[in-house]
C-alpha cells in the first residue's frame, strides 16, 4: 500500500482529525445502537474507548479505562445506556456473534 502522507507527524495529525470526527458522529447519532455497529462493522463505541485506553497505555499516558469510554460516549457510559440503549434482539445478538467471529478469523 502506498504511503499517503509526507511523514509520520502529518499522518498522525490527519488520522487524529478523522478519529475526532468519528467520535463526534457517534456522539450525535445516539439512534445508532452499539450492537448494530458490532453486527455490521465489528466495532462499537466501547471498542473505540478501549482502543483509546490501550493507545494511551502504550504511549505511557495515564488514562483510566472508564475515562476513555466517557471521552467516546461524551458522557458516562452508564448514563448513555440509560438514555439511548435499547434491548438487543436475538437477531442483533446473532449478527454480532458472527461479526466477532470474523474479527477473530482476521486476527483482530
N, C-alpha and C. Protein backbone atom coordinates (compact mmCIF):
# COMPACT_ATOMS: atom_id res chain seq x y z
N UNK A 1 0.85 -1.17 0.00
CA UNK A 1 0.00 0.00 0.00
C UNK A 1 0.90 1.24 0.00
N UNK A 2 0.63 2.18 -0.87
CA UNK A 2 1.47 3.38 -0.93
C UNK A 2 1.27 4.25 0.30
N UNK A 3 2.34 4.93 0.71
CA UNK A 3 2.26 5.86 1.83
C UNK A 3 1.58 7.13 1.35
N UNK A 4 0.48 7.48 1.95
CA UNK A 4 -0.30 8.65 1.53
C UNK A 4 0.19 9.95 2.14
N UNK A 5 1.01 9.85 3.16
CA UNK A 5 1.37 11.03 3.93
C UNK A 5 2.86 11.32 3.83
N UNK A 6 3.21 12.59 3.93
CA UNK A 6 4.60 13.02 3.78
C UNK A 6 5.48 12.49 4.90
N UNK A 7 4.91 12.42 6.11
CA UNK A 7 5.69 11.95 7.26
C UNK A 7 4.74 11.46 8.34
N UNK A 8 5.32 10.86 9.38
CA UNK A 8 4.50 10.30 10.46
C UNK A 8 3.71 11.37 11.21
N UNK A 9 4.28 12.54 11.39
CA UNK A 9 3.57 13.60 12.11
C UNK A 9 2.34 14.05 11.34
N UNK A 10 2.46 14.16 10.04
CA UNK A 10 1.31 14.53 9.20
C UNK A 10 0.27 13.43 9.26
N UNK A 11 0.70 12.20 9.15
CA UNK A 11 -0.22 11.06 9.24
C UNK A 11 -0.97 11.07 10.57
N UNK A 12 -0.24 11.25 11.67
CA UNK A 12 -0.87 11.27 12.99
C UNK A 12 -1.89 12.39 13.09
N UNK A 13 -1.56 13.57 12.58
CA UNK A 13 -2.48 14.72 12.66
C UNK A 13 -3.76 14.46 11.87
N UNK A 14 -3.61 13.90 10.68
CA UNK A 14 -4.77 13.64 9.82
C UNK A 14 -5.62 12.50 10.39
N UNK A 15 -4.98 11.43 10.84
CA UNK A 15 -5.74 10.32 11.43
C UNK A 15 -6.43 10.75 12.71
N UNK A 16 -5.80 11.60 13.50
CA UNK A 16 -6.43 12.11 14.72
C UNK A 16 -7.67 12.93 14.40
N UNK A 17 -7.59 13.75 13.35
CA UNK A 17 -8.75 14.54 12.95
C UNK A 17 -9.89 13.63 12.50
N UNK A 18 -9.57 12.56 11.78
CA UNK A 18 -10.60 11.61 11.33
C UNK A 18 -11.21 10.90 12.53
N UNK A 19 -10.40 10.53 13.51
CA UNK A 19 -10.90 9.89 14.73
C UNK A 19 -11.85 10.83 15.47
N UNK A 20 -11.45 12.09 15.62
CA UNK A 20 -12.32 13.06 16.32
C UNK A 20 -13.66 13.21 15.59
N UNK A 21 -13.62 13.19 14.28
CA UNK A 21 -14.86 13.30 13.51
C UNK A 21 -15.75 12.08 13.73
N UNK A 22 -15.15 10.89 13.76
CA UNK A 22 -15.91 9.66 14.03
C UNK A 22 -16.53 9.72 15.42
N UNK A 23 -15.78 10.14 16.41
CA UNK A 23 -16.31 10.24 17.77
C UNK A 23 -17.47 11.24 17.82
N UNK A 24 -17.32 12.37 17.17
CA UNK A 24 -18.40 13.37 17.14
C UNK A 24 -19.65 12.80 16.47
N UNK A 25 -19.46 12.05 15.41
CA UNK A 25 -20.60 11.43 14.73
C UNK A 25 -21.30 10.44 15.65
N UNK A 26 -20.54 9.60 16.33
CA UNK A 26 -21.15 8.61 17.22
C UNK A 26 -21.83 9.26 18.42
N UNK A 27 -21.30 10.40 18.87
CA UNK A 27 -21.97 11.11 19.96
C UNK A 27 -23.28 11.73 19.49
N UNK A 28 -23.31 12.19 18.27
CA UNK A 28 -24.53 12.80 17.72
C UNK A 28 -25.57 11.76 17.34
N UNK A 29 -25.12 10.62 16.84
CA UNK A 29 -26.04 9.59 16.33
C UNK A 29 -26.36 8.57 17.42
N UNK A 30 -27.04 9.03 18.45
CA UNK A 30 -27.41 8.14 19.55
C UNK A 30 -28.45 7.11 19.12
N UNK A 31 -29.05 7.32 17.95
CA UNK A 31 -30.00 6.33 17.43
C UNK A 31 -29.29 5.08 16.93
N UNK A 32 -28.01 5.17 16.68
CA UNK A 32 -27.24 4.01 16.20
C UNK A 32 -26.79 3.22 17.42
N UNK A 33 -27.30 2.02 17.53
CA UNK A 33 -27.01 1.16 18.67
C UNK A 33 -25.64 0.49 18.53
N UNK A 34 -24.96 0.32 19.65
CA UNK A 34 -23.67 -0.37 19.65
C UNK A 34 -23.77 -1.77 19.06
N UNK A 35 -24.83 -2.46 19.37
CA UNK A 35 -24.98 -3.83 18.88
C UNK A 35 -25.07 -3.86 17.36
N UNK A 36 -25.67 -2.84 16.76
CA UNK A 36 -25.75 -2.77 15.30
C UNK A 36 -24.38 -2.43 14.71
N UNK A 37 -23.64 -1.53 15.36
CA UNK A 37 -22.28 -1.25 14.92
C UNK A 37 -21.43 -2.52 14.96
N UNK A 38 -21.57 -3.27 16.04
CA UNK A 38 -20.81 -4.53 16.19
C UNK A 38 -21.22 -5.54 15.12
N UNK A 39 -22.51 -5.64 14.88
CA UNK A 39 -23.01 -6.63 13.93
C UNK A 39 -22.58 -6.35 12.50
N UNK A 40 -22.51 -5.09 12.15
CA UNK A 40 -22.17 -4.71 10.77
C UNK A 40 -20.67 -4.46 10.62
N UNK A 41 -20.10 -3.69 11.55
CA UNK A 41 -18.72 -3.26 11.38
C UNK A 41 -17.69 -3.95 12.24
N UNK A 42 -18.14 -4.70 13.24
CA UNK A 42 -17.20 -5.40 14.10
C UNK A 42 -16.57 -4.53 15.17
N UNK A 43 -17.11 -3.35 15.39
CA UNK A 43 -16.64 -2.45 16.45
C UNK A 43 -17.79 -1.58 16.91
N UNK A 44 -17.62 -0.96 18.09
CA UNK A 44 -18.64 -0.06 18.60
C UNK A 44 -17.98 1.02 19.44
N UNK A 45 -18.78 1.81 20.12
CA UNK A 45 -18.25 2.87 20.97
C UNK A 45 -17.33 2.31 22.05
N UNK A 46 -17.73 1.18 22.62
CA UNK A 46 -16.89 0.55 23.65
C UNK A 46 -15.52 0.21 23.09
N UNK A 47 -15.48 -0.34 21.89
CA UNK A 47 -14.21 -0.69 21.25
C UNK A 47 -13.34 0.54 21.09
N UNK A 48 -13.92 1.63 20.60
CA UNK A 48 -13.14 2.86 20.41
C UNK A 48 -12.57 3.34 21.74
N UNK A 49 -13.38 3.30 22.79
CA UNK A 49 -12.89 3.69 24.11
C UNK A 49 -11.77 2.77 24.59
N UNK A 50 -11.93 1.48 24.35
CA UNK A 50 -10.89 0.52 24.74
C UNK A 50 -9.61 0.76 23.96
N UNK A 51 -9.73 1.02 22.66
CA UNK A 51 -8.55 1.28 21.84
C UNK A 51 -7.85 2.56 22.28
N UNK A 52 -8.63 3.56 22.66
CA UNK A 52 -8.06 4.81 23.15
C UNK A 52 -7.29 4.55 24.45
N UNK A 53 -7.89 3.79 25.34
CA UNK A 53 -7.24 3.42 26.60
C UNK A 53 -5.94 2.65 26.34
N UNK A 54 -5.97 1.69 25.43
CA UNK A 54 -4.78 0.89 25.12
C UNK A 54 -3.69 1.75 24.48
N UNK A 55 -4.07 2.64 23.58
CA UNK A 55 -3.09 3.51 22.92
C UNK A 55 -2.44 4.44 23.95
N UNK A 56 -3.21 4.95 24.89
CA UNK A 56 -2.66 5.80 25.93
C UNK A 56 -1.66 5.01 26.78
N UNK A 57 -2.03 3.79 27.14
CA UNK A 57 -1.13 2.95 27.94
C UNK A 57 0.17 2.69 27.19
N UNK A 58 0.07 2.38 25.90
CA UNK A 58 1.26 2.14 25.09
C UNK A 58 2.15 3.38 25.01
N UNK A 59 1.54 4.55 25.06
CA UNK A 59 2.29 5.81 24.99
C UNK A 59 2.76 6.26 26.37
N UNK A 60 2.41 5.50 27.41
CA UNK A 60 2.80 5.87 28.76
C UNK A 60 1.99 7.02 29.34
N UNK A 61 0.80 7.23 28.78
CA UNK A 61 -0.08 8.31 29.23
C UNK A 61 -1.16 7.71 30.13
N UNK A 62 -1.27 8.17 31.37
CA UNK A 62 -2.31 7.62 32.25
C UNK A 62 -3.71 8.03 31.77
N UNK A 63 -4.53 7.05 31.50
CA UNK A 63 -5.92 7.29 31.10
C UNK A 63 -6.74 6.11 31.60
N UNK A 64 -7.61 6.38 32.53
CA UNK A 64 -8.46 5.32 33.07
C UNK A 64 -9.37 4.76 31.98
N UNK A 65 -9.64 3.48 32.08
CA UNK A 65 -10.49 2.80 31.10
C UNK A 65 -11.85 3.49 30.99
N UNK A 66 -12.47 3.76 32.13
CA UNK A 66 -13.79 4.40 32.13
C UNK A 66 -13.72 5.81 31.55
N UNK A 67 -12.64 6.52 31.79
CA UNK A 67 -12.48 7.87 31.24
C UNK A 67 -12.35 7.84 29.72
N UNK A 68 -11.68 6.82 29.20
CA UNK A 68 -11.56 6.68 27.75
C UNK A 68 -12.93 6.45 27.12
N UNK A 69 -13.73 5.60 27.75
CA UNK A 69 -15.08 5.36 27.22
C UNK A 69 -15.94 6.61 27.35
N UNK A 70 -15.81 7.34 28.45
CA UNK A 70 -16.55 8.58 28.62
C UNK A 70 -16.19 9.57 27.51
N UNK A 71 -14.93 9.62 27.14
CA UNK A 71 -14.49 10.50 26.07
C UNK A 71 -15.22 10.16 24.77
N UNK A 72 -15.34 8.88 24.47
CA UNK A 72 -16.01 8.45 23.23
C UNK A 72 -17.51 8.68 23.31
N UNK A 73 -18.12 8.34 24.42
CA UNK A 73 -19.57 8.50 24.55
C UNK A 73 -19.99 9.96 24.71
N UNK A 74 -19.10 10.80 25.24
CA UNK A 74 -19.46 12.18 25.53
C UNK A 74 -20.21 12.31 26.84
N UNK A 75 -20.26 11.24 27.59
CA UNK A 75 -20.90 11.18 28.90
C UNK A 75 -20.51 9.84 29.52
N UNK A 76 -20.88 9.63 30.76
CA UNK A 76 -20.63 8.34 31.39
C UNK A 76 -21.35 7.24 30.59
N UNK A 77 -20.68 6.12 30.42
CA UNK A 77 -21.27 5.03 29.64
C UNK A 77 -22.61 4.61 30.23
N UNK A 78 -22.70 4.52 31.54
CA UNK A 78 -23.96 4.12 32.18
C UNK A 78 -25.09 5.10 31.87
N UNK A 79 -24.77 6.38 31.84
CA UNK A 79 -25.79 7.38 31.50
C UNK A 79 -26.24 7.23 30.06
N UNK A 80 -25.29 7.01 29.16
CA UNK A 80 -25.63 6.81 27.75
C UNK A 80 -26.56 5.60 27.60
N UNK A 81 -26.23 4.53 28.29
CA UNK A 81 -27.06 3.32 28.20
C UNK A 81 -28.49 3.59 28.68
N UNK A 82 -28.62 4.31 29.79
CA UNK A 82 -29.95 4.64 30.30
C UNK A 82 -30.75 5.47 29.31
N UNK A 83 -30.07 6.42 28.68
CA UNK A 83 -30.75 7.35 27.77
C UNK A 83 -31.00 6.78 26.38
N UNK A 84 -30.11 5.94 25.89
CA UNK A 84 -30.14 5.61 24.47
C UNK A 84 -30.13 4.13 24.10
N UNK A 85 -29.73 3.26 25.01
CA UNK A 85 -29.57 1.86 24.62
C UNK A 85 -30.88 1.09 24.70
N UNK A 86 -31.22 0.46 23.60
CA UNK A 86 -32.42 -0.39 23.55
C UNK A 86 -32.03 -1.83 23.84
N UNK A 87 -33.00 -2.63 24.19
CA UNK A 87 -32.78 -4.06 24.42
C UNK A 87 -32.39 -4.73 23.10
N UNK A 88 -31.35 -5.53 23.13
CA UNK A 88 -30.90 -6.23 21.93
C UNK A 88 -31.84 -7.37 21.59
N UNK A 89 -32.09 -7.52 20.29
CA UNK A 89 -32.94 -8.62 19.83
C UNK A 89 -32.08 -9.86 19.58
N UNK A 90 -32.69 -11.03 19.53
CA UNK A 90 -31.92 -12.24 19.20
C UNK A 90 -31.21 -12.12 17.84
N UNK A 91 -31.84 -11.47 16.88
CA UNK A 91 -31.22 -11.29 15.56
C UNK A 91 -29.97 -10.41 15.66
N UNK A 92 -30.06 -9.33 16.44
CA UNK A 92 -28.89 -8.46 16.62
C UNK A 92 -27.75 -9.20 17.32
N UNK A 93 -28.10 -9.98 18.34
CA UNK A 93 -27.08 -10.74 19.07
C UNK A 93 -26.40 -11.76 18.16
N UNK A 94 -27.18 -12.43 17.33
CA UNK A 94 -26.60 -13.41 16.41
C UNK A 94 -25.70 -12.74 15.38
N UNK A 95 -26.13 -11.61 14.88
CA UNK A 95 -25.31 -10.88 13.89
C UNK A 95 -24.01 -10.41 14.52
N UNK A 96 -24.07 -9.94 15.76
CA UNK A 96 -22.87 -9.52 16.45
C UNK A 96 -21.92 -10.70 16.67
N UNK A 97 -22.47 -11.83 17.06
CA UNK A 97 -21.63 -13.02 17.28
C UNK A 97 -20.89 -13.41 16.00
N UNK A 98 -21.59 -13.37 14.88
CA UNK A 98 -20.96 -13.67 13.60
C UNK A 98 -19.87 -12.67 13.25
N UNK A 99 -20.12 -11.42 13.55
CA UNK A 99 -19.14 -10.36 13.28
C UNK A 99 -17.90 -10.54 14.15
N UNK A 100 -18.10 -10.90 15.41
CA UNK A 100 -16.97 -11.15 16.30
C UNK A 100 -16.13 -12.33 15.81
N UNK A 101 -16.79 -13.33 15.29
CA UNK A 101 -16.06 -14.49 14.71
C UNK A 101 -15.22 -14.05 13.51
N UNK A 102 -15.77 -13.17 12.68
CA UNK A 102 -15.00 -12.66 11.54
C UNK A 102 -13.80 -11.84 12.00
N UNK A 103 -13.98 -11.06 13.07
CA UNK A 103 -12.85 -10.33 13.64
C UNK A 103 -11.77 -11.30 14.11
N UNK A 104 -12.22 -12.34 14.81
CA UNK A 104 -11.29 -13.34 15.34
C UNK A 104 -10.53 -14.02 14.20
N UNK A 105 -11.23 -14.40 13.14
CA UNK A 105 -10.62 -15.05 11.99
C UNK A 105 -9.61 -14.14 11.29
N UNK A 106 -9.86 -12.83 11.38
CA UNK A 106 -8.96 -11.85 10.76
C UNK A 106 -7.79 -11.49 11.70
N UNK A 107 -7.80 -12.06 12.91
CA UNK A 107 -6.74 -11.78 13.85
C UNK A 107 -6.87 -10.45 14.56
N UNK A 108 -8.09 -9.96 14.62
CA UNK A 108 -8.34 -8.64 15.26
C UNK A 108 -8.85 -8.79 16.68
